[in-house]
């Protein structure tokens, strides 16, 4: 009998390769906790105000100020507003969705490859911290890129909104690829 959970096949013949991985209990427990954290963060984010998202908005805003030279002030209910009032770093700009995706990608991508239970738990915490730092840095770069592009290129309003979405998709996908590649390089020689 299999000692794993989360198996995708009811029974398999000897020698058959499973389509999906079977996770041992230690992996399932760690991944379950990470998934619960991701769900809690996402649930909080879905209804959070700018005040409740200061943990994401404040460090992002500081980095955007350092990169662009713009100054932002906090306005209740809105977020961080630039002096020129043409830019608002609002809850929708917090980057929390990227945090959730990065946390789940790192955890599901690498926890099953790691050795001891203690190491799995320690690296799950490290992945949460890494995902948070990546969220802040990548989000600040995305917003700064938007500021620099709109300063030099004038778009009509509907095109500007689409360009902003494309900037976000390209920036976040590239960052996720780099984050996963960096984790693979760091953990490459330390498996089981």
N, C-alpha and C. Protein backbone atom coordinates (compact mmCIF):
# COMPACT_ATOMS: atom_id res chain seq x y z
N UNK A 1 0.84 -1.18 0.00
CA UNK A 1 0.00 0.00 0.00
C UNK A 1 0.88 1.24 0.00
N UNK A 2 0.49 2.25 -0.71
CA UNK A 2 1.25 3.49 -0.82
C UNK A 2 1.25 4.25 0.50
N UNK A 3 2.36 4.88 0.81
CA UNK A 3 2.46 5.69 2.02
C UNK A 3 2.22 7.16 1.73
N UNK A 4 1.76 7.48 0.57
CA UNK A 4 1.57 8.87 0.18
C UNK A 4 0.12 9.29 0.22
N UNK A 5 -0.07 10.57 0.11
CA UNK A 5 -1.39 11.15 -0.02
C UNK A 5 -1.41 11.99 -1.28
N UNK A 6 -2.55 12.48 -1.61
CA UNK A 6 -2.72 13.31 -2.79
C UNK A 6 -2.36 12.55 -4.07
N UNK A 7 -2.59 11.27 -4.07
CA UNK A 7 -2.29 10.50 -5.26
C UNK A 7 -3.39 10.67 -6.29
N UNK A 8 -3.04 10.63 -7.54
CA UNK A 8 -4.02 10.86 -8.58
C UNK A 8 -4.55 9.57 -9.19
N UNK A 9 -3.92 8.45 -8.90
CA UNK A 9 -4.34 7.20 -9.51
C UNK A 9 -4.91 6.27 -8.44
N UNK A 10 -6.09 5.70 -8.67
CA UNK A 10 -6.68 4.83 -7.66
C UNK A 10 -5.81 3.61 -7.39
N UNK A 11 -5.32 2.97 -8.41
CA UNK A 11 -4.42 1.83 -8.27
C UNK A 11 -3.61 1.77 -9.55
N UNK A 12 -2.38 1.37 -9.43
CA UNK A 12 -1.60 1.28 -10.65
C UNK A 12 -0.87 -0.05 -10.69
N UNK A 13 -0.60 -0.43 -11.85
CA UNK A 13 0.07 -1.70 -12.04
C UNK A 13 1.54 -1.54 -11.73
N UNK A 14 2.18 -2.59 -11.25
CA UNK A 14 3.61 -2.50 -10.94
C UNK A 14 4.40 -2.05 -12.17
N UNK A 15 5.30 -1.13 -11.93
CA UNK A 15 6.14 -0.61 -13.01
C UNK A 15 5.54 0.52 -13.80
N UNK A 16 4.24 0.82 -13.59
CA UNK A 16 3.60 1.92 -14.32
C UNK A 16 4.02 3.25 -13.70
N UNK A 17 4.29 4.22 -14.55
CA UNK A 17 4.64 5.55 -14.06
C UNK A 17 3.38 6.35 -13.78
N UNK A 18 3.30 6.99 -12.63
CA UNK A 18 2.12 7.80 -12.35
C UNK A 18 2.14 9.08 -13.19
N UNK A 19 0.97 9.58 -13.50
CA UNK A 19 0.86 10.82 -14.26
C UNK A 19 1.20 11.99 -13.35
N UNK A 20 0.68 11.96 -12.15
CA UNK A 20 0.98 13.00 -11.17
C UNK A 20 1.74 12.38 -10.00
N UNK A 21 2.39 13.20 -9.26
CA UNK A 21 3.21 12.78 -8.15
C UNK A 21 2.36 12.36 -6.95
N UNK A 22 2.84 11.40 -6.18
CA UNK A 22 2.24 11.02 -4.91
C UNK A 22 3.09 11.67 -3.83
N UNK A 23 2.45 12.45 -2.96
CA UNK A 23 3.18 13.17 -1.93
C UNK A 23 3.17 12.39 -0.62
N UNK A 24 4.34 12.25 0.01
CA UNK A 24 4.37 11.68 1.36
C UNK A 24 3.66 12.63 2.33
N UNK A 25 3.32 12.11 3.48
CA UNK A 25 2.58 12.92 4.46
C UNK A 25 3.32 14.19 4.83
N UNK A 26 4.64 14.13 4.97
CA UNK A 26 5.39 15.33 5.35
C UNK A 26 5.25 16.42 4.28
N UNK A 27 5.32 16.03 3.02
CA UNK A 27 5.14 16.99 1.94
C UNK A 27 3.73 17.53 1.94
N UNK A 28 2.76 16.64 2.08
CA UNK A 28 1.35 17.06 2.06
C UNK A 28 1.05 18.02 3.20
N UNK A 29 1.63 17.78 4.37
CA UNK A 29 1.39 18.67 5.51
C UNK A 29 1.97 20.06 5.26
N UNK A 30 3.21 20.10 4.78
CA UNK A 30 3.85 21.40 4.51
C UNK A 30 3.12 22.12 3.39
N UNK A 31 2.82 21.41 2.31
CA UNK A 31 2.13 22.04 1.19
C UNK A 31 0.71 22.46 1.57
N UNK A 32 0.08 21.71 2.45
CA UNK A 32 -1.24 22.10 2.95
C UNK A 32 -1.18 23.40 3.75
N UNK A 33 -0.15 23.52 4.60
CA UNK A 33 0.01 24.76 5.37
C UNK A 33 0.33 25.95 4.46
N UNK A 34 1.16 25.73 3.49
CA UNK A 34 1.49 26.80 2.54
C UNK A 34 0.23 27.21 1.77
N UNK A 35 -0.55 26.23 1.35
CA UNK A 35 -1.79 26.51 0.62
C UNK A 35 -2.78 27.27 1.50
N UNK A 36 -2.85 26.90 2.77
CA UNK A 36 -3.74 27.61 3.70
C UNK A 36 -3.29 29.06 3.87
N UNK A 37 -1.97 29.28 3.97
CA UNK A 37 -1.44 30.64 4.06
C UNK A 37 -1.78 31.43 2.80
N UNK A 38 -1.57 30.83 1.64
CA UNK A 38 -1.87 31.50 0.38
C UNK A 38 -3.36 31.85 0.29
N UNK A 39 -4.20 30.94 0.71
CA UNK A 39 -5.65 31.19 0.69
C UNK A 39 -6.01 32.32 1.65
N UNK A 40 -5.42 32.33 2.84
CA UNK A 40 -5.71 33.38 3.82
C UNK A 40 -5.28 34.74 3.31
N UNK A 41 -4.08 34.81 2.72
CA UNK A 41 -3.58 36.08 2.17
C UNK A 41 -4.49 36.55 1.04
N UNK A 42 -4.84 35.64 0.15
CA UNK A 42 -5.70 35.99 -0.99
C UNK A 42 -7.09 36.43 -0.51
N UNK A 43 -7.63 35.75 0.48
CA UNK A 43 -8.94 36.13 1.03
C UNK A 43 -8.87 37.51 1.66
N UNK A 44 -7.83 37.76 2.43
CA UNK A 44 -7.65 39.08 3.06
C UNK A 44 -7.52 40.16 1.98
N UNK A 45 -6.73 39.88 0.96
CA UNK A 45 -6.49 40.85 -0.11
C UNK A 45 -7.76 41.20 -0.86
N UNK A 46 -8.65 40.25 -1.04
CA UNK A 46 -9.85 40.47 -1.85
C UNK A 46 -10.77 41.55 -1.28
N UNK A 47 -10.68 41.82 0.01
CA UNK A 47 -11.54 42.84 0.63
C UNK A 47 -10.74 43.91 1.37
N UNK A 48 -9.43 43.85 1.31
CA UNK A 48 -8.59 44.76 2.11
C UNK A 48 -8.59 46.18 1.57
N UNK A 49 -8.49 47.10 2.50
CA UNK A 49 -8.36 48.52 2.17
C UNK A 49 -6.87 48.87 2.04
N UNK A 50 -6.62 50.07 1.60
CA UNK A 50 -5.23 50.53 1.49
C UNK A 50 -4.56 50.50 2.86
N UNK A 51 -5.30 50.83 3.90
CA UNK A 51 -4.74 50.81 5.25
C UNK A 51 -4.34 49.40 5.65
N UNK A 52 -5.14 48.42 5.28
CA UNK A 52 -4.87 47.02 5.64
C UNK A 52 -3.77 46.40 4.78
N UNK A 53 -3.42 47.04 3.68
CA UNK A 53 -2.38 46.53 2.80
C UNK A 53 -1.08 47.33 2.89
N UNK A 54 -0.93 48.08 3.95
CA UNK A 54 0.29 48.86 4.11
C UNK A 54 1.53 47.97 4.12
N UNK A 55 1.41 46.74 4.59
CA UNK A 55 2.53 45.79 4.62
C UNK A 55 3.07 45.53 3.22
N UNK A 56 2.25 45.69 2.20
CA UNK A 56 2.69 45.52 0.82
C UNK A 56 2.95 46.86 0.14
N UNK A 57 2.12 47.84 0.44
CA UNK A 57 2.20 49.13 -0.26
C UNK A 57 3.36 50.02 0.21
N UNK A 58 3.66 50.02 1.50
CA UNK A 58 4.71 50.91 2.02
C UNK A 58 6.08 50.59 1.43
N UNK A 59 6.58 49.35 1.53
CA UNK A 59 7.91 49.09 0.96
C UNK A 59 7.95 49.26 -0.56
N UNK A 60 6.85 48.92 -1.23
CA UNK A 60 6.78 49.10 -2.67
C UNK A 60 6.90 50.58 -3.02
N UNK A 61 6.17 51.40 -2.30
CA UNK A 61 6.19 52.85 -2.55
C UNK A 61 7.58 53.43 -2.31
N UNK A 62 8.25 53.00 -1.24
CA UNK A 62 9.62 53.48 -0.98
C UNK A 62 10.55 53.16 -2.15
N UNK A 63 10.45 51.96 -2.67
CA UNK A 63 11.30 51.59 -3.80
C UNK A 63 10.95 52.38 -5.05
N UNK A 64 9.66 52.58 -5.31
CA UNK A 64 9.25 53.37 -6.47
C UNK A 64 9.78 54.79 -6.35
N UNK A 65 9.71 55.36 -5.15
CA UNK A 65 10.25 56.71 -4.93
C UNK A 65 11.75 56.74 -5.21
N UNK A 66 12.47 55.71 -4.75
CA UNK A 66 13.92 55.66 -4.96
C UNK A 66 14.26 55.51 -6.44
N UNK A 67 13.49 54.75 -7.17
CA UNK A 67 13.78 54.51 -8.59
C UNK A 67 13.38 55.69 -9.46
N UNK A 68 12.20 56.26 -9.21
CA UNK A 68 11.65 57.29 -10.11
C UNK A 68 11.91 58.72 -9.65
N UNK A 69 12.18 58.91 -8.37
CA UNK A 69 12.34 60.26 -7.85
C UNK A 69 11.02 60.94 -7.53
N UNK A 70 9.91 60.28 -7.79
CA UNK A 70 8.60 60.84 -7.43
C UNK A 70 8.40 60.75 -5.93
N UNK A 71 7.54 61.60 -5.41
CA UNK A 71 7.20 61.54 -3.98
C UNK A 71 5.72 61.19 -3.86
N UNK A 72 5.43 60.29 -2.93
CA UNK A 72 4.06 59.85 -2.69
C UNK A 72 3.67 60.13 -1.26
N UNK A 73 2.41 60.45 -1.05
CA UNK A 73 1.86 60.60 0.30
C UNK A 73 0.67 59.67 0.44
N UNK A 74 0.47 59.18 1.65
CA UNK A 74 -0.62 58.25 1.88
C UNK A 74 -1.93 59.01 2.05
N UNK A 75 -2.95 58.57 1.36
CA UNK A 75 -4.30 59.12 1.51
C UNK A 75 -5.22 57.97 1.89
N UNK A 76 -5.91 58.15 3.00
CA UNK A 76 -6.84 57.12 3.47
C UNK A 76 -7.81 56.73 2.38
N UNK A 77 -7.98 55.42 2.24
CA UNK A 77 -8.94 54.90 1.28
C UNK A 77 -8.42 54.81 -0.14
N UNK A 78 -7.37 55.55 -0.47
CA UNK A 78 -6.86 55.55 -1.85
C UNK A 78 -5.57 54.75 -1.96
N UNK A 79 -4.64 55.03 -1.08
CA UNK A 79 -3.30 54.43 -1.16
C UNK A 79 -2.27 55.54 -1.18
N UNK A 80 -1.19 55.34 -1.90
CA UNK A 80 -0.13 56.33 -1.99
C UNK A 80 -0.30 57.12 -3.29
N UNK A 81 -0.43 58.42 -3.15
CA UNK A 81 -0.72 59.31 -4.28
C UNK A 81 0.51 60.15 -4.55
N UNK A 82 0.87 60.25 -5.84
CA UNK A 82 2.03 61.06 -6.21
C UNK A 82 1.69 62.54 -6.06
N UNK A 83 2.72 63.35 -5.87
CA UNK A 83 2.52 64.80 -5.74
C UNK A 83 1.78 65.35 -6.95
N UNK A 84 2.10 64.83 -8.11
CA UNK A 84 1.45 65.33 -9.33
C UNK A 84 0.01 64.82 -9.43
N UNK A 85 -0.36 63.83 -8.61
CA UNK A 85 -1.69 63.23 -8.54
C UNK A 85 -2.05 62.47 -9.82
N UNK A 86 -1.05 62.17 -10.63
CA UNK A 86 -1.30 61.40 -11.85
C UNK A 86 -1.09 59.91 -11.63
N UNK A 87 -0.60 59.55 -10.45
CA UNK A 87 -0.32 58.15 -10.17
C UNK A 87 -0.72 57.82 -8.75
N UNK A 88 -1.41 56.69 -8.60
CA UNK A 88 -1.80 56.20 -7.29
C UNK A 88 -1.34 54.77 -7.16
N UNK A 89 -0.63 54.48 -6.10
CA UNK A 89 -0.28 53.10 -5.79
C UNK A 89 -1.37 52.62 -4.84
N UNK A 90 -2.35 51.95 -5.41
CA UNK A 90 -3.58 51.57 -4.71
C UNK A 90 -3.54 50.09 -4.35
N UNK A 91 -4.55 49.62 -3.60
CA UNK A 91 -4.60 48.19 -3.27
C UNK A 91 -4.49 47.27 -4.48
N UNK A 92 -5.06 47.66 -5.60
CA UNK A 92 -4.97 46.82 -6.80
C UNK A 92 -3.53 46.71 -7.30
N UNK A 93 -2.67 47.63 -6.87
CA UNK A 93 -1.26 47.64 -7.28
C UNK A 93 -0.34 47.00 -6.25
N UNK A 94 -0.91 46.31 -5.27
CA UNK A 94 -0.10 45.80 -4.17
C UNK A 94 0.79 44.62 -4.54
N UNK A 95 0.45 43.89 -5.59
CA UNK A 95 1.27 42.75 -5.99
C UNK A 95 0.99 41.48 -5.20
N UNK A 96 -0.10 41.45 -4.46
CA UNK A 96 -0.40 40.30 -3.61
C UNK A 96 -0.66 39.04 -4.44
N UNK A 97 -1.27 39.18 -5.59
CA UNK A 97 -1.48 37.99 -6.43
C UNK A 97 -0.14 37.37 -6.84
N UNK A 98 0.84 38.21 -7.13
CA UNK A 98 2.17 37.69 -7.46
C UNK A 98 2.77 36.97 -6.26
N UNK A 99 2.60 37.53 -5.06
CA UNK A 99 3.09 36.88 -3.85
C UNK A 99 2.52 35.47 -3.72
N UNK A 100 1.21 35.35 -3.91
CA UNK A 100 0.54 34.05 -3.77
C UNK A 100 1.07 33.06 -4.81
N UNK A 101 1.17 33.51 -6.05
CA UNK A 101 1.65 32.62 -7.12
C UNK A 101 3.11 32.23 -6.89
N UNK A 102 3.93 33.19 -6.48
CA UNK A 102 5.34 32.88 -6.23
C UNK A 102 5.49 31.90 -5.06
N UNK A 103 4.75 32.11 -3.99
CA UNK A 103 4.81 31.23 -2.83
C UNK A 103 4.39 29.80 -3.21
N UNK A 104 3.29 29.67 -3.92
CA UNK A 104 2.82 28.34 -4.30
C UNK A 104 3.76 27.68 -5.31
N UNK A 105 4.28 28.46 -6.25
CA UNK A 105 5.21 27.90 -7.25
C UNK A 105 6.48 27.39 -6.59
N UNK A 106 7.07 28.19 -5.71
CA UNK A 106 8.28 27.77 -5.02
C UNK A 106 8.02 26.54 -4.15
N UNK A 107 6.94 26.56 -3.41
CA UNK A 107 6.65 25.47 -2.48
C UNK A 107 6.34 24.17 -3.20
N UNK A 108 5.41 24.22 -4.14
CA UNK A 108 5.06 22.99 -4.86
C UNK A 108 6.18 22.54 -5.79
N UNK A 109 7.00 23.48 -6.23
CA UNK A 109 8.10 23.13 -7.12
C UNK A 109 9.28 22.49 -6.42
N UNK A 110 9.50 22.85 -5.14
CA UNK A 110 10.73 22.41 -4.49
C UNK A 110 10.57 21.63 -3.20
N UNK A 111 9.49 21.82 -2.44
CA UNK A 111 9.34 21.09 -1.17
C UNK A 111 9.43 19.58 -1.39
N UNK A 112 8.77 19.02 -2.40
CA UNK A 112 8.87 17.56 -2.58
C UNK A 112 10.28 17.07 -2.91
N UNK A 113 11.15 17.95 -3.35
CA UNK A 113 12.51 17.55 -3.71
C UNK A 113 13.48 17.60 -2.54
N UNK A 114 13.05 18.16 -1.43
CA UNK A 114 13.95 18.38 -0.30
C UNK A 114 13.94 17.18 0.63
N UNK A 115 14.99 17.06 1.40
CA UNK A 115 15.19 15.90 2.26
C UNK A 115 14.33 15.83 3.50
N UNK A 116 14.81 16.32 4.60
CA UNK A 116 14.18 16.10 5.89
C UNK A 116 12.92 16.94 6.08
N UNK A 117 12.09 16.51 7.02
CA UNK A 117 10.86 17.25 7.33
C UNK A 117 11.19 18.65 7.85
N UNK A 118 12.20 18.74 8.71
CA UNK A 118 12.58 20.04 9.25
C UNK A 118 13.04 20.98 8.14
N UNK A 119 13.76 20.43 7.19
CA UNK A 119 14.24 21.25 6.06
C UNK A 119 13.07 21.73 5.20
N UNK A 120 12.08 20.87 5.00
CA UNK A 120 10.90 21.24 4.23
C UNK A 120 10.19 22.42 4.88
N UNK A 121 10.02 22.35 6.20
CA UNK A 121 9.33 23.42 6.93
C UNK A 121 10.17 24.70 6.89
N UNK A 122 11.47 24.58 7.13
CA UNK A 122 12.33 25.76 7.12
C UNK A 122 12.33 26.43 5.75
N UNK A 123 12.39 25.64 4.70
CA UNK A 123 12.40 26.24 3.37
C UNK A 123 11.03 26.78 2.98
N UNK A 124 9.96 26.21 3.51
CA UNK A 124 8.64 26.79 3.25
C UNK A 124 8.58 28.21 3.83
N UNK A 125 9.14 28.42 5.02
CA UNK A 125 9.22 29.77 5.59
C UNK A 125 10.12 30.66 4.74
N UNK A 126 11.25 30.10 4.29
CA UNK A 126 12.16 30.87 3.43
C UNK A 126 11.47 31.24 2.12
N UNK A 127 10.67 30.33 1.58
CA UNK A 127 9.93 30.62 0.35
C UNK A 127 8.92 31.74 0.57
N UNK A 128 8.26 31.74 1.73
CA UNK A 128 7.30 32.81 2.03
C UNK A 128 8.01 34.16 2.09
N UNK A 129 9.16 34.20 2.75
CA UNK A 129 9.94 35.43 2.83
C UNK A 129 10.44 35.84 1.44
N UNK A 130 10.93 34.88 0.68
CA UNK A 130 11.41 35.16 -0.69
C UNK A 130 10.29 35.69 -1.57
N UNK A 131 9.11 35.09 -1.46
CA UNK A 131 7.96 35.54 -2.25
C UNK A 131 7.57 36.96 -1.88
N UNK A 132 7.66 37.29 -0.57
CA UNK A 132 7.33 38.65 -0.13
C UNK A 132 8.34 39.66 -0.69
N UNK A 133 9.62 39.36 -0.55
CA UNK A 133 10.66 40.26 -1.06
C UNK A 133 10.52 40.41 -2.58
N UNK A 134 10.29 39.30 -3.27
CA UNK A 134 10.11 39.36 -4.72
C UNK A 134 8.89 40.20 -5.08
N UNK A 135 7.81 40.05 -4.31
CA UNK A 135 6.60 40.85 -4.56
C UNK A 135 6.92 42.34 -4.50
N UNK A 136 7.61 42.75 -3.46
CA UNK A 136 7.93 44.17 -3.28
C UNK A 136 8.83 44.68 -4.40
N UNK A 137 9.90 43.96 -4.67
CA UNK A 137 10.88 44.39 -5.67
C UNK A 137 10.27 44.40 -7.07
N UNK A 138 9.61 43.31 -7.43
CA UNK A 138 9.05 43.19 -8.78
C UNK A 138 7.93 44.20 -8.98
N UNK A 139 7.10 44.37 -7.97
CA UNK A 139 6.01 45.33 -8.09
C UNK A 139 6.54 46.75 -8.22
N UNK A 140 7.58 47.08 -7.46
CA UNK A 140 8.19 48.41 -7.57
C UNK A 140 8.79 48.61 -8.97
N UNK A 141 9.42 47.57 -9.50
CA UNK A 141 9.97 47.67 -10.86
C UNK A 141 8.86 47.84 -11.89
N UNK A 142 7.77 47.11 -11.71
CA UNK A 142 6.63 47.21 -12.64
C UNK A 142 6.04 48.62 -12.63
N UNK A 143 5.82 49.16 -11.44
CA UNK A 143 5.25 50.50 -11.34
C UNK A 143 6.22 51.54 -11.89
N UNK A 144 7.50 51.39 -11.58
CA UNK A 144 8.52 52.32 -12.08
C UNK A 144 8.61 52.26 -13.61
N UNK A 145 8.52 51.06 -14.16
CA UNK A 145 8.51 50.92 -15.61
C UNK A 145 7.32 51.66 -16.20
N UNK A 146 6.18 51.52 -15.56
CA UNK A 146 4.98 52.23 -16.04
C UNK A 146 5.19 53.75 -15.99
N UNK A 147 5.76 54.23 -14.90
CA UNK A 147 6.03 55.67 -14.76
C UNK A 147 6.97 56.13 -15.87
N UNK A 148 8.04 55.39 -16.11
CA UNK A 148 9.02 55.79 -17.12
C UNK A 148 8.43 55.71 -18.53
N UNK A 149 7.65 54.67 -18.81
CA UNK A 149 7.04 54.56 -20.13
C UNK A 149 6.03 55.67 -20.39
N UNK A 150 5.18 55.94 -19.42
CA UNK A 150 4.16 56.98 -19.63
C UNK A 150 4.76 58.37 -19.66
N UNK A 151 5.96 58.54 -19.11
CA UNK A 151 6.62 59.84 -19.17
C UNK A 151 7.16 60.11 -20.57
N UNK A 152 7.45 59.04 -21.31
CA UNK A 152 8.08 59.20 -22.63
C UNK A 152 7.18 58.80 -23.80
N UNK A 153 6.14 58.06 -23.52
CA UNK A 153 5.24 57.61 -24.59
C UNK A 153 3.81 57.98 -24.20
N UNK A 154 3.12 58.64 -25.08
CA UNK A 154 1.74 59.02 -24.83
C UNK A 154 0.80 58.02 -25.50
N UNK A 155 -0.05 57.42 -24.69
CA UNK A 155 -1.04 56.48 -25.20
C UNK A 155 -2.43 57.07 -25.04
N UNK A 156 -3.33 56.71 -25.95
CA UNK A 156 -4.74 57.03 -25.75
C UNK A 156 -5.21 56.21 -24.56
N UNK A 157 -6.23 56.68 -23.85
CA UNK A 157 -6.66 56.05 -22.60
C UNK A 157 -6.91 54.54 -22.71
N UNK A 158 -7.68 54.04 -23.67
CA UNK A 158 -7.89 52.59 -23.72
C UNK A 158 -6.60 51.81 -23.99
N UNK A 159 -5.73 52.37 -24.81
CA UNK A 159 -4.46 51.72 -25.11
C UNK A 159 -3.56 51.76 -23.89
N UNK A 160 -3.59 52.86 -23.15
CA UNK A 160 -2.77 52.99 -21.95
C UNK A 160 -3.13 51.91 -20.92
N UNK A 161 -4.43 51.66 -20.75
CA UNK A 161 -4.85 50.62 -19.81
C UNK A 161 -4.38 49.24 -20.25
N UNK A 162 -4.48 48.95 -21.55
CA UNK A 162 -4.01 47.67 -22.06
C UNK A 162 -2.49 47.56 -21.95
N UNK A 163 -1.79 48.65 -22.22
CA UNK A 163 -0.33 48.65 -22.10
C UNK A 163 0.08 48.38 -20.66
N UNK A 164 -0.66 48.93 -19.70
CA UNK A 164 -0.38 48.72 -18.29
C UNK A 164 -0.56 47.24 -17.94
N UNK A 165 -1.60 46.62 -18.47
CA UNK A 165 -1.83 45.19 -18.23
C UNK A 165 -0.70 44.34 -18.84
N UNK A 166 -0.32 44.68 -20.05
CA UNK A 166 0.75 43.93 -20.72
C UNK A 166 2.06 44.08 -19.94
N UNK A 167 2.36 45.29 -19.47
CA UNK A 167 3.56 45.51 -18.65
C UNK A 167 3.53 44.58 -17.44
N UNK A 168 2.38 44.51 -16.79
CA UNK A 168 2.25 43.66 -15.61
C UNK A 168 2.46 42.19 -15.92
N UNK A 169 1.82 41.71 -16.97
CA UNK A 169 1.94 40.30 -17.33
C UNK A 169 3.39 39.96 -17.67
N UNK A 170 4.02 40.77 -18.50
CA UNK A 170 5.41 40.50 -18.90
C UNK A 170 6.34 40.58 -17.70
N UNK A 171 6.17 41.59 -16.88
CA UNK A 171 7.04 41.77 -15.71
C UNK A 171 6.87 40.61 -14.74
N UNK A 172 5.64 40.27 -14.40
CA UNK A 172 5.41 39.21 -13.42
C UNK A 172 5.83 37.84 -13.93
N UNK A 173 5.54 37.53 -15.20
CA UNK A 173 5.96 36.22 -15.74
C UNK A 173 7.49 36.11 -15.80
N UNK A 174 8.13 37.17 -16.22
CA UNK A 174 9.60 37.17 -16.26
C UNK A 174 10.17 37.00 -14.86
N UNK A 175 9.61 37.73 -13.91
CA UNK A 175 10.09 37.64 -12.53
C UNK A 175 9.87 36.25 -11.95
N UNK A 176 8.73 35.63 -12.25
CA UNK A 176 8.47 34.29 -11.74
C UNK A 176 9.46 33.29 -12.34
N UNK A 177 9.75 33.43 -13.62
CA UNK A 177 10.74 32.57 -14.25
C UNK A 177 12.10 32.74 -13.59
N UNK A 178 12.53 33.98 -13.36
CA UNK A 178 13.82 34.25 -12.73
C UNK A 178 13.85 33.71 -11.30
N UNK A 179 12.76 33.92 -10.57
CA UNK A 179 12.68 33.44 -9.19
C UNK A 179 12.81 31.92 -9.13
N UNK A 180 12.10 31.22 -10.00
CA UNK A 180 12.16 29.76 -10.01
C UNK A 180 13.55 29.28 -10.44
N UNK A 181 14.14 29.94 -11.42
CA UNK A 181 15.48 29.56 -11.87
C UNK A 181 16.51 29.80 -10.76
N UNK A 182 16.37 30.90 -10.03
CA UNK A 182 17.29 31.18 -8.92
C UNK A 182 17.13 30.14 -7.81
N UNK A 183 15.88 29.79 -7.51
CA UNK A 183 15.65 28.76 -6.49
C UNK A 183 16.23 27.43 -6.94
N UNK A 184 16.06 27.08 -8.19
CA UNK A 184 16.62 25.83 -8.73
C UNK A 184 18.14 25.84 -8.61
N UNK A 185 18.76 26.97 -8.92
CA UNK A 185 20.22 27.07 -8.83
C UNK A 185 20.69 26.96 -7.37
N UNK A 186 19.97 27.61 -6.46
CA UNK A 186 20.34 27.57 -5.04
C UNK A 186 20.14 26.19 -4.43
N UNK A 187 19.09 25.49 -4.85
CA UNK A 187 18.75 24.21 -4.25
C UNK A 187 19.23 23.02 -5.07
N UNK A 188 19.81 23.29 -6.22
CA UNK A 188 20.19 22.22 -7.14
C UNK A 188 21.04 21.12 -6.54
N UNK A 189 22.01 21.47 -5.75
CA UNK A 189 22.90 20.46 -5.20
C UNK A 189 22.52 20.01 -3.81
N UNK A 190 21.35 20.41 -3.33
CA UNK A 190 20.99 20.12 -1.95
C UNK A 190 19.77 19.24 -1.83
N UNK A 191 19.44 18.49 -2.83
CA UNK A 191 18.27 17.62 -2.77
C UNK A 191 18.58 16.40 -1.91
N UNK A 192 17.56 15.81 -1.39
CA UNK A 192 17.57 14.59 -0.55
C UNK A 192 18.93 14.13 -0.24
